[in-house]
Amino acid sequence: MPAYICVTCGVQHEPSEQPPERCAICEDERQYIGWKGQQWTTLEQMAADGYHNVLREEEPGLISIGTTPSFAIGQRALLVRTPGGNVLWDCQSFIDSVTITAVQELGGVHAIAISHPHFYGVNIEWSEAFGGAPVYIHESDRQWVMRPHPKVTLWHGETTTPLPGLTLIRLGGHFDGAQVLHWPGGAGGNGAVLCGDTIQVVQDRRWVSFMYSYPNLIPLPPSSVQHIAETMRGYRFDRLYGAWNGRVVVADGLAAVERSAERYIQWETEGGSNGP
């Protein structure tokens, strides 16, 4: 049976003879149902429609994987290469034999970690393509796992280590289990954080922002933003990699989080510099 993929969010559901009646992720207020209504596709149909993945080096040890033409949310995945193995950060909705071969030549995938439900993609297809790599999702987001599978590792607590030297950090905010990946070897050894949009790299790349819903413009409470900033103070990093190509805070990453959180909280509590 095919495992249908939601066209709007790009998340694959459990195999079924017919497309599911609904996508719970898109019905949630943080997402939306496409303007043409609920639509579905499959990997086979995507291949027939000409979708393919493009790999490029972002920096030594970090490879981005983006799908062309853009599909669903249009995010990229990131492959972190370390002496202890490779982690695939976030997940694409498309995979084929060409992609598998290219990633195998880079050392394969030993673990998969996903920031939040909007980026689950076809994570089980990626896992099975690379020997059953475990998929790390925080247990707080259990209800959003649309394709349950033994390889989905629902971890608990505030941090975990998918591979030696790499740390998953639960920040919450956008989703209860929203997480980021700390890579100490990134940015030439100054540290990098792969943040999806748990921490959103904005158009002015000296700054980041934080939201409960990005497409529907629902803000987070200041307490959630303060928690994110306080948690990130415990880590050394110079660079932030967001969910889309080009969304990178190149330097001074921790300071960018600090000043952005301060600005956000000021606007939410006092109306910013133009407030009373």
C-alpha atoms as a PDB file:
ATOM      1  CA  MET A   1       0.000   0.000   0.000  1.00  0.00           C
ATOM      2  CA  PRO A   2       1.197   3.534  -0.665  1.00  0.00           C
ATOM      3  CA  ALA A   3       2.152   5.866   2.161  1.00  0.00           C
ATOM      4  CA  TYR A   4       0.489   9.137   1.189  1.00  0.00           C
ATOM      5  CA  ILE A   5       2.235  12.496   1.601  1.00  0.00           C
ATOM      6  CA  CYS A   6       0.336  15.677   2.426  1.00  0.00           C
ATOM      7  CA  VAL A   7       0.995  18.216  -0.317  1.00  0.00           C
ATOM      8  CA  THR A   8       0.707  21.203   2.035  1.00  0.00           C
ATOM      9  CA  CYS A   9       2.979  20.168   4.935  1.00  0.00           C
ATOM     10  CA  GLY A  10       4.916  17.392   3.189  1.00  0.00           C
ATOM     11  CA  VAL A  11       4.449  14.851   6.000  1.00  0.00           C
ATOM     12  CA  GLN A  12       4.016  11.199   5.084  1.00  0.00           C
ATOM     13  CA  HIS A  13       1.223   9.219   6.771  1.00  0.00           C
ATOM     14  CA  GLU A  14       0.791   5.529   7.500  1.00  0.00           C
ATOM     15  CA  PRO A  15       0.338   3.259   4.450  1.00  0.00           C
ATOM     16  CA  SER A  16      -3.298   2.990   3.385  1.00  0.00           C
ATOM     17  CA  GLU A  17      -5.280   1.816   0.381  1.00  0.00           C
ATOM     18  CA  GLN A  18      -6.886   5.229   0.003  1.00  0.00           C
ATOM     19  CA  PRO A  19      -5.588   8.711   0.906  1.00  0.00           C
ATOM     20  CA  PRO A  20      -6.342   9.659   4.532  1.00  0.00           C
ATOM     21  CA  GLU A  21      -9.403  11.790   5.133  1.00  0.00           C
ATOM     22  CA  ARG A  22      -7.439  14.491   6.924  1.00  0.00           C
ATOM     23  CA  CYS A  23      -4.003  15.730   7.901  1.00  0.00           C
ATOM     24  CA  ALA A  24      -4.025  16.546  11.611  1.00  0.00           C
ATOM     25  CA  ILE A  25      -0.826  18.599  11.277  1.00  0.00           C
ATOM     26  CA  CYS A  26      -2.429  20.912   8.722  1.00  0.00           C
ATOM     27  CA  GLU A  27      -5.684  21.168  10.680  1.00  0.00           C
ATOM     28  CA  ASP A  28      -3.761  22.454  13.702  1.00  0.00           C
ATOM     29  CA  GLU A  29      -3.822  26.245  14.140  1.00  0.00           C
ATOM     30  CA  ARG A  30      -0.048  26.452  13.598  1.00  0.00           C
ATOM     31  CA  GLN A  31      -0.447  25.234  10.006  1.00  0.00           C
ATOM     32  CA  TYR A  32      -3.246  25.423   7.422  1.00  0.00           C
ATOM     33  CA  ILE A  33      -5.091  23.347   4.857  1.00  0.00           C
ATOM     34  CA  GLY A  34      -4.078  24.323   1.334  1.00  0.00           C
ATOM     35  CA  TRP A  35      -6.341  26.770  -0.467  1.00  0.00           C
ATOM     36  CA  LYS A  36      -7.293  24.024  -2.928  1.00  0.00           C
ATOM     37  CA  GLY A  37      -8.294  21.704  -0.097  1.00  0.00           C
ATOM     38  CA  GLN A  38      -6.570  18.627   1.297  1.00  0.00           C
ATOM     39  CA  GLN A  39      -4.365  17.056  -1.369  1.00  0.00           C
ATOM     40  CA  TRP A  40      -2.094  14.010  -1.347  1.00  0.00           C
ATOM     41  CA  THR A  41       0.763  12.579  -3.366  1.00  0.00           C
ATOM     42  CA  THR A  42       3.250   9.705  -3.150  1.00  0.00           C
ATOM     43  CA  LEU A  43       6.976   9.300  -3.656  1.00  0.00           C
ATOM     44  CA  GLU A  44       6.310   7.543  -6.939  1.00  0.00           C
ATOM     45  CA  GLN A  45       4.156  10.418  -8.171  1.00  0.00           C
ATOM     46  CA  MET A  46       6.728  12.990  -7.051  1.00  0.00           C
ATOM     47  CA  ALA A  47       9.420  11.181  -9.033  1.00  0.00           C
ATOM     48  CA  ALA A  48       7.142  11.120 -12.077  1.00  0.00           C
ATOM     49  CA  ASP A  49       6.544  14.856 -11.614  1.00  0.00           C
ATOM     50  CA  GLY A  50      10.263  15.538 -11.868  1.00  0.00           C
ATOM     51  CA  TYR A  51      11.212  16.216  -8.254  1.00  0.00           C
ATOM     52  CA  HIS A  52      14.843  15.692  -7.318  1.00  0.00           C
ATOM     53  CA  ASN A  53      17.220  16.633  -4.522  1.00  0.00           C
ATOM     54  CA  VAL A  54      20.202  18.962  -4.731  1.00  0.00           C
ATOM     55  CA  LEU A  55      23.138  18.601  -2.340  1.00  0.00           C
ATOM     56  CA  ARG A  56      25.581  21.400  -1.595  1.00  0.00           C
ATOM     57  CA  GLU A  57      28.288  22.063   0.962  1.00  0.00           C
ATOM     58  CA  GLU A  58      27.380  24.788   3.457  1.00  0.00           C
ATOM     59  CA  GLU A  59      30.703  24.537   5.301  1.00  0.00           C
ATOM     60  CA  PRO A  60      33.188  21.723   5.957  1.00  0.00           C
ATOM     61  CA  GLY A  61      31.238  18.885   7.520  1.00  0.00           C
ATOM     62  CA  LEU A  62      27.792  20.243   6.663  1.00  0.00           C
ATOM     63  CA  ILE A  63      25.777  19.393   3.544  1.00  0.00           C
ATOM     64  CA  SER A  64      22.357  20.820   2.716  1.00  0.00           C
ATOM     65  CA  ILE A  65      19.778  18.705   0.898  1.00  0.00           C
ATOM     66  CA  GLY A  66      17.028  20.643  -0.869  1.00  0.00           C
ATOM     67  CA  THR A  67      14.188  19.432  -3.079  1.00  0.00           C
ATOM     68  CA  THR A  68      13.617  20.972  -6.526  1.00  0.00           C
ATOM     69  CA  PRO A  69      11.055  22.191  -7.490  1.00  0.00           C
ATOM     70  CA  SER A  70      10.149  23.453  -4.046  1.00  0.00           C
ATOM     71  CA  PHE A  71       7.650  21.180  -2.321  1.00  0.00           C
ATOM     72  CA  ALA A  72       5.307  21.797   0.641  1.00  0.00           C
ATOM     73  CA  ILE A  73       7.050  24.127   3.108  1.00  0.00           C
ATOM     74  CA  GLY A  74      10.212  24.199   1.003  1.00  0.00           C
ATOM     75  CA  GLN A  75      12.665  23.508   3.818  1.00  0.00           C
ATOM     76  CA  ARG A  76      16.073  21.938   3.470  1.00  0.00           C
ATOM     77  CA  ALA A  77      17.613  19.079   5.399  1.00  0.00           C
ATOM     78  CA  LEU A  78      21.172  19.267   6.725  1.00  0.00           C
ATOM     79  CA  LEU A  79      23.653  16.396   6.950  1.00  0.00           C
ATOM     80  CA  VAL A  80      26.132  16.859   9.801  1.00  0.00           C
ATOM     81  CA  ARG A  81      29.279  14.803   9.243  1.00  0.00           C
ATOM     82  CA  THR A  82      31.303  13.902  12.335  1.00  0.00           C
ATOM     83  CA  PRO A  83      33.983  11.333  13.225  1.00  0.00           C
ATOM     84  CA  GLY A  84      31.304   9.478  15.217  1.00  0.00           C
ATOM     85  CA  GLY A  85      28.852   9.294  12.323  1.00  0.00           C
ATOM     86  CA  ASN A  86      26.422  11.479  10.397  1.00  0.00           C
ATOM     87  CA  VAL A  87      23.150  13.013  11.581  1.00  0.00           C
ATOM     88  CA  LEU A  88      20.422  14.076   9.175  1.00  0.00           C
ATOM     89  CA  TRP A  89      18.819  17.191  10.642  1.00  0.00           C
ATOM     90  CA  ASP A  90      15.182  17.789   9.696  1.00  0.00           C
ATOM     91  CA  CYS A  91      13.810  15.800   6.817  1.00  0.00           C
ATOM     92  CA  GLN A  92      12.758  16.150   3.207  1.00  0.00           C
ATOM     93  CA  SER A  93       9.548  14.855   1.687  1.00  0.00           C
ATOM     94  CA  PHE A  94      11.419  13.293  -1.229  1.00  0.00           C
ATOM     95  CA  ILE A  95      14.086  10.622  -1.496  1.00  0.00           C
ATOM     96  CA  ASP A  96      15.237   8.544  -4.467  1.00  0.00           C
ATOM     97  CA  SER A  97      18.095   6.251  -5.463  1.00  0.00           C
ATOM     98  CA  VAL A  98      20.214   9.164  -6.704  1.00  0.00           C
ATOM     99  CA  THR A  99      19.930  10.892  -3.336  1.00  0.00           C
ATOM    100  CA  ILE A 100      20.689   7.694  -1.448  1.00  0.00           C
ATOM    101  CA  THR A 101      23.837   7.075  -3.487  1.00  0.00           C
ATOM    102  CA  ALA A 102      25.039  10.658  -3.013  1.00  0.00           C
ATOM    103  CA  VAL A 103      24.507  10.527   0.758  1.00  0.00           C
ATOM    104  CA  GLN A 104      26.138   7.103   1.016  1.00  0.00           C
ATOM    105  CA  GLU A 105      29.239   8.561  -0.643  1.00  0.00           C
ATOM    106  CA  LEU A 106      29.295  11.136   2.172  1.00  0.00           C
ATOM    107  CA  GLY A 107      29.235   8.435   4.826  1.00  0.00           C
ATOM    108  CA  GLY A 108      25.514   7.688   5.047  1.00  0.00           C
ATOM    109  CA  VAL A 109      23.120   8.517   7.871  1.00  0.00           C
ATOM    110  CA  HIS A 110      23.487   7.081  11.377  1.00  0.00           C
ATOM    111  CA  ALA A 111      20.737   9.076  13.092  1.00  0.00           C
ATOM    112  CA  ILE A 112      17.917  11.421  12.114  1.00  0.00           C
ATOM    113  CA  ALA A 113      16.760  14.307  14.319  1.00  0.00           C
ATOM    114  CA  ILE A 114      13.805  16.539  13.477  1.00  0.00           C
ATOM    115  CA  SER A 115      13.093  19.955  14.935  1.00  0.00           C
ATOM    116  CA  HIS A 116       9.275  19.739  14.954  1.00  0.00           C
ATOM    117  CA  PRO A 117       6.299  18.126  13.154  1.00  0.00           C
ATOM    118  CA  HIS A 118       6.212  20.420  10.115  1.00  0.00           C
ATOM    119  CA  PHE A 119       9.534  18.912   9.022  1.00  0.00           C
ATOM    120  CA  TYR A 120       8.859  15.208   9.582  1.00  0.00           C
ATOM    121  CA  GLY A 121       8.737  14.664   5.812  1.00  0.00           C
ATOM    122  CA  VAL A 122       9.225  11.024   4.826  1.00  0.00           C
ATOM    123  CA  ASN A 123      11.514  10.262   7.759  1.00  0.00           C
ATOM    124  CA  ILE A 124      10.828   6.520   7.774  1.00  0.00           C
ATOM    125  CA  GLU A 125      11.800   6.289   4.092  1.00  0.00           C
ATOM    126  CA  TRP A 126      15.074   8.042   4.960  1.00  0.00           C
ATOM    127  CA  SER A 127      15.621   5.769   7.943  1.00  0.00           C
ATOM    128  CA  GLU A 128      15.063   2.583   5.978  1.00  0.00           C
ATOM    129  CA  ALA A 129      17.310   3.780   3.159  1.00  0.00           C
ATOM    130  CA  PHE A 130      20.200   3.985   5.626  1.00  0.00           C
ATOM    131  CA  GLY A 131      19.974   0.766   7.574  1.00  0.00           C
ATOM    132  CA  GLY A 132      17.200   1.757   9.952  1.00  0.00           C
ATOM    133  CA  ALA A 133      18.777   4.899  11.393  1.00  0.00           C
ATOM    134  CA  PRO A 134      16.880   5.951  14.543  1.00  0.00           C
ATOM    135  CA  VAL A 135      14.601   8.985  14.215  1.00  0.00           C
ATOM    136  CA  TYR A 136      14.823  11.266  17.261  1.00  0.00           C
ATOM    137  CA  ILE A 137      11.596  13.086  18.119  1.00  0.00           C
ATOM    138  CA  HIS A 138      10.792  14.484  21.551  1.00  0.00           C
ATOM    139  CA  GLU A 139       8.042  12.564  23.332  1.00  0.00           C
ATOM    140  CA  SER A 140       6.062  15.781  23.840  1.00  0.00           C
ATOM    141  CA  ASP A 141       5.277  15.684  20.111  1.00  0.00           C
ATOM    142  CA  ARG A 142       4.151  12.049  20.116  1.00  0.00           C
ATOM    143  CA  GLN A 143       0.641  12.946  18.910  1.00  0.00           C
ATOM    144  CA  TRP A 144       2.027  14.479  15.708  1.00  0.00           C
ATOM    145  CA  VAL A 145       3.847  11.350  14.526  1.00  0.00           C
ATOM    146  CA  MET A 146       1.717  10.522  11.502  1.00  0.00           C
ATOM    147  CA  ARG A 147       3.663   7.378  10.597  1.00  0.00           C
ATOM    148  CA  PRO A 148       4.457   5.450  13.798  1.00  0.00           C
ATOM    149  CA  HIS A 149       7.368   3.059  13.380  1.00  0.00           C
ATOM    150  CA  PRO A 150       9.808   1.123  15.607  1.00  0.00           C
ATOM    151  CA  LYS A 151      12.658   3.360  14.400  1.00  0.00           C
ATOM    152  CA  VAL A 152      11.000   6.483  15.842  1.00  0.00           C
ATOM    153  CA  THR A 153      12.816   7.168  19.120  1.00  0.00           C
ATOM    154  CA  LEU A 154      10.616   9.270  21.413  1.00  0.00           C
ATOM    155  CA  TRP A 155      13.134  10.691  23.844  1.00  0.00           C
ATOM    156  CA  HIS A 156      12.322  12.502  27.076  1.00  0.00           C
ATOM    157  CA  GLY A 157      13.983  15.123  29.223  1.00  0.00           C
ATOM    158  CA  GLU A 158      15.715  18.304  28.138  1.00  0.00           C
ATOM    159  CA  THR A 159      18.750  16.982  26.208  1.00  0.00           C
ATOM    160  CA  THR A 160      19.907  13.814  24.527  1.00  0.00           C
ATOM    161  CA  THR A 161      22.895  12.706  22.435  1.00  0.00           C
ATOM    162  CA  PRO A 162      22.009  11.163  19.059  1.00  0.00           C
ATOM    163  CA  LEU A 163      25.710  10.629  18.286  1.00  0.00           C
ATOM    164  CA  PRO A 164      28.875  11.371  20.298  1.00  0.00           C
ATOM    165  CA  GLY A 165      29.546  15.118  20.534  1.00  0.00           C
ATOM    166  CA  LEU A 166      26.131  16.228  19.247  1.00  0.00           C
ATOM    167  CA  THR A 167      23.353  17.388  21.562  1.00  0.00           C
ATOM    168  CA  LEU A 168      19.637  17.671  20.976  1.00  0.00           C
ATOM    169  CA  ILE A 169      18.116  20.413  23.120  1.00  0.00           C
ATOM    170  CA  ARG A 170      14.392  20.640  23.764  1.00  0.00           C
ATOM    171  CA  LEU A 171      13.370  24.313  23.677  1.00  0.00           C
ATOM    172  CA  GLY A 172       9.597  24.087  23.240  1.00  0.00           C
ATOM    173  CA  GLY A 173       7.802  27.197  22.048  1.00  0.00           C
ATOM    174  CA  HIS A 174       6.744  26.533  18.470  1.00  0.00           C
ATOM    175  CA  PHE A 175       5.780  22.997  19.570  1.00  0.00           C
ATOM    176  CA  ASP A 176       6.050  21.452  23.031  1.00  0.00           C
ATOM    177  CA  GLY A 177       8.817  19.170  21.820  1.00  0.00           C
ATOM    178  CA  ALA A 178      10.532  21.607  19.448  1.00  0.00           C
ATOM    179  CA  GLN A 179      14.273  20.964  19.489  1.00  0.00           C
ATOM    180  CA  VAL A 180      17.566  22.232  18.103  1.00  0.00           C
ATOM    181  CA  LEU A 181      20.865  20.452  17.453  1.00  0.00           C
ATOM    182  CA  HIS A 182      24.125  21.761  18.932  1.00  0.00           C
ATOM    183  CA  TRP A 183      27.184  20.935  16.808  1.00  0.00           C
ATOM    184  CA  PRO A 184      30.361  22.034  18.635  1.00  0.00           C
ATOM    185  CA  GLY A 185      32.543  21.376  15.583  1.00  0.00           C
ATOM    186  CA  GLY A 186      30.596  23.765  13.370  1.00  0.00           C
ATOM    187  CA  ALA A 187      31.736  27.234  12.318  1.00  0.00           C
ATOM    188  CA  GLY A 188      35.377  26.228  12.319  1.00  0.00           C
ATOM    189  CA  GLY A 189      35.183  24.840  15.843  1.00  0.00           C
ATOM    190  CA  ASN A 190      33.336  27.836  17.277  1.00  0.00           C
ATOM    191  CA  GLY A 191      30.082  25.888  17.376  1.00  0.00           C
ATOM    192  CA  ALA A 192      26.864  25.928  15.391  1.00  0.00           C
ATOM    193  CA  VAL A 193      23.199  25.340  16.173  1.00  0.00           C
ATOM    194  CA  LEU A 194      20.819  23.813  13.650  1.00  0.00           C
ATOM    195  CA  CYS A 195      17.526  25.384  14.630  1.00  0.00           C
ATOM    196  CA  GLY A 196      14.883  24.763  11.950  1.00  0.00           C
ATOM    197  CA  ASP A 197      12.374  27.433  12.855  1.00  0.00           C
ATOM    198  CA  THR A 198      12.287  26.680  16.570  1.00  0.00           C
ATOM    199  CA  ILE A 199      14.536  29.730  16.454  1.00  0.00           C
ATOM    200  CA  GLN A 200      13.707  31.504  13.184  1.00  0.00           C
ATOM    201  CA  VAL A 201      16.519  33.164  11.222  1.00  0.00           C
ATOM    202  CA  VAL A 202      14.829  36.226   9.721  1.00  0.00           C
ATOM    203  CA  GLN A 203      15.561  38.356   6.654  1.00  0.00           C
ATOM    204  CA  ASP A 204      17.930  40.625   8.604  1.00  0.00           C
ATOM    205  CA  ARG A 205      20.321  37.826   9.448  1.00  0.00           C
ATOM    206  CA  ARG A 206      21.756  39.604  12.467  1.00  0.00           C
ATOM    207  CA  TRP A 207      18.525  38.680  14.208  1.00  0.00           C
ATOM    208  CA  VAL A 208      16.190  35.763  14.896  1.00  0.00           C
ATOM    209  CA  SER A 209      12.579  35.529  16.004  1.00  0.00           C
ATOM    210  CA  PHE A 210      10.162  33.159  17.681  1.00  0.00           C
ATOM    211  CA  MET A 211       6.547  32.261  16.887  1.00  0.00           C
ATOM    212  CA  TYR A 212       3.821  29.818  17.851  1.00  0.00           C
ATOM    213  CA  SER A 213       2.561  29.892  14.246  1.00  0.00           C
ATOM    214  CA  TYR A 214       4.527  31.413  11.394  1.00  0.00           C
ATOM    215  CA  PRO A 215       1.937  31.147   8.587  1.00  0.00           C
ATOM    216  CA  ASN A 216      -0.868  32.389  10.836  1.00  0.00           C
ATOM    217  CA  LEU A 217       1.269  34.943  12.721  1.00  0.00           C
ATOM    218  CA  ILE A 218       0.484  33.795  16.265  1.00  0.00           C
ATOM    219  CA  PRO A 219       3.191  34.989  18.674  1.00  0.00           C
ATOM    220  CA  LEU A 220       4.699  33.147  21.611  1.00  0.00           C
ATOM    221  CA  PRO A 221       4.280  34.444  25.155  1.00  0.00           C
ATOM    222  CA  PRO A 222       7.358  36.296  26.479  1.00  0.00           C
ATOM    223  CA  SER A 223       7.930  33.556  29.066  1.00  0.00           C
ATOM    224  CA  SER A 224       8.532  30.990  26.297  1.00  0.00           C
ATOM    225  CA  VAL A 225      11.005  33.273  24.534  1.00  0.00           C
ATOM    226  CA  GLN A 226      12.805  33.954  27.797  1.00  0.00           C
ATOM    227  CA  HIS A 227      13.108  30.209  28.382  1.00  0.00           C
ATOM    228  CA  ILE A 228      14.636  29.710  24.935  1.00  0.00           C
ATOM    229  CA  ALA A 229      17.214  32.457  25.500  1.00  0.00           C
ATOM    230  CA  GLU A 230      18.124  31.205  28.965  1.00  0.00           C
ATOM    231  CA  THR A 231      18.538  27.637  27.728  1.00  0.00           C
ATOM    232  CA  MET A 232      20.794  28.631  24.827  1.00  0.00           C
ATOM    233  CA  ARG A 233      23.144  30.518  27.175  1.00  0.00           C
ATOM    234  CA  GLY A 234      24.420  27.142  28.274  1.00  0.00           C
ATOM    235  CA  TYR A 235      25.951  26.412  24.855  1.00  0.00           C
ATOM    236  CA  ARG A 236      28.832  27.848  22.885  1.00  0.00           C
ATOM    237  CA  PHE A 237      28.022  28.614  19.260  1.00  0.00           C
ATOM    238  CA  ASP A 238      28.822  31.245  16.668  1.00  0.00           C
ATOM    239  CA  ARG A 239      26.478  30.228  13.855  1.00  0.00           C
ATOM    240  CA  LEU A 240      22.771  29.428  13.456  1.00  0.00           C
ATOM    241  CA  TYR A 241      21.418  27.409  10.531  1.00  0.00           C
ATOM    242  CA  GLY A 242      17.717  27.931   9.853  1.00  0.00           C
ATOM    243  CA  ALA A 243      15.332  25.783   7.869  1.00  0.00           C
ATOM    244  CA  TRP A 244      15.739  27.387   4.437  1.00  0.00           C
ATOM    245  CA  ASN A 245      18.694  28.043   2.145  1.00  0.00           C
ATOM    246  CA  GLY A 246      20.372  31.308   3.015  1.00  0.00           C
ATOM    247  CA  ARG A 247      18.761  31.576   6.451  1.00  0.00           C
ATOM    248  CA  VAL A 248      22.025  31.583   8.403  1.00  0.00           C
ATOM    249  CA  VAL A 249      23.284  33.774  11.205  1.00  0.00           C
ATOM    250  CA  VAL A 250      26.909  33.611  10.124  1.00  0.00           C
ATOM    251  CA  ALA A 251      28.554  34.937  13.296  1.00  0.00           C
ATOM    252  CA  ASP A 252      27.785  36.045  16.834  1.00  0.00           C
ATOM    253  CA  GLY A 253      24.939  33.547  17.042  1.00  0.00           C
ATOM    254  CA  LEU A 254      24.398  33.472  20.799  1.00  0.00           C
ATOM    255  CA  ALA A 255      24.374  37.268  20.966  1.00  0.00           C
ATOM    256  CA  ALA A 256      21.826  37.299  18.138  1.00  0.00           C
ATOM    257  CA  VAL A 257      19.529  35.048  20.177  1.00  0.00           C
ATOM    258  CA  GLU A 258      20.018  37.181  23.296  1.00  0.00           C
ATOM    259  CA  ARG A 259      19.318  40.552  21.694  1.00  0.00           C
ATOM    260  CA  SER A 260      16.452  39.160  19.618  1.00  0.00           C
ATOM    261  CA  ALA A 261      14.779  37.696  22.703  1.00  0.00           C
ATOM    262  CA  GLU A 262      15.219  40.995  24.526  1.00  0.00           C
ATOM    263  CA  ARG A 263      13.673  42.917  21.628  1.00  0.00           C
ATOM    264  CA  TYR A 264      10.782  40.460  21.317  1.00  0.00           C
ATOM    265  CA  ILE A 265       9.977  40.590  25.023  1.00  0.00           C
ATOM    266  CA  GLN A 266      10.185  44.371  25.065  1.00  0.00           C
ATOM    267  CA  TRP A 267       7.665  44.692  22.236  1.00  0.00           C
ATOM    268  CA  GLU A 268       5.320  42.126  23.762  1.00  0.00           C
ATOM    269  CA  THR A 269       5.375  43.646  27.250  1.00  0.00           C
ATOM    270  CA  GLU A 270       6.024  47.354  26.714  1.00  0.00           C
ATOM    271  CA  GLY A 271       5.224  48.047  23.074  1.00  0.00           C
ATOM    272  CA  GLY A 272       8.899  48.424  22.099  1.00  0.00           C
ATOM    273  CA  SER A 273      10.652  51.772  21.824  1.00  0.00           C
ATOM    274  CA  ASN A 274       7.437  53.416  20.644  1.00  0.00           C
ATOM    275  CA  GLY A 275       5.406  52.213  23.615  1.00  0.00           C
ATOM    276  CA  PRO A 276       4.076  54.378  26.427  1.00  0.00           C
END
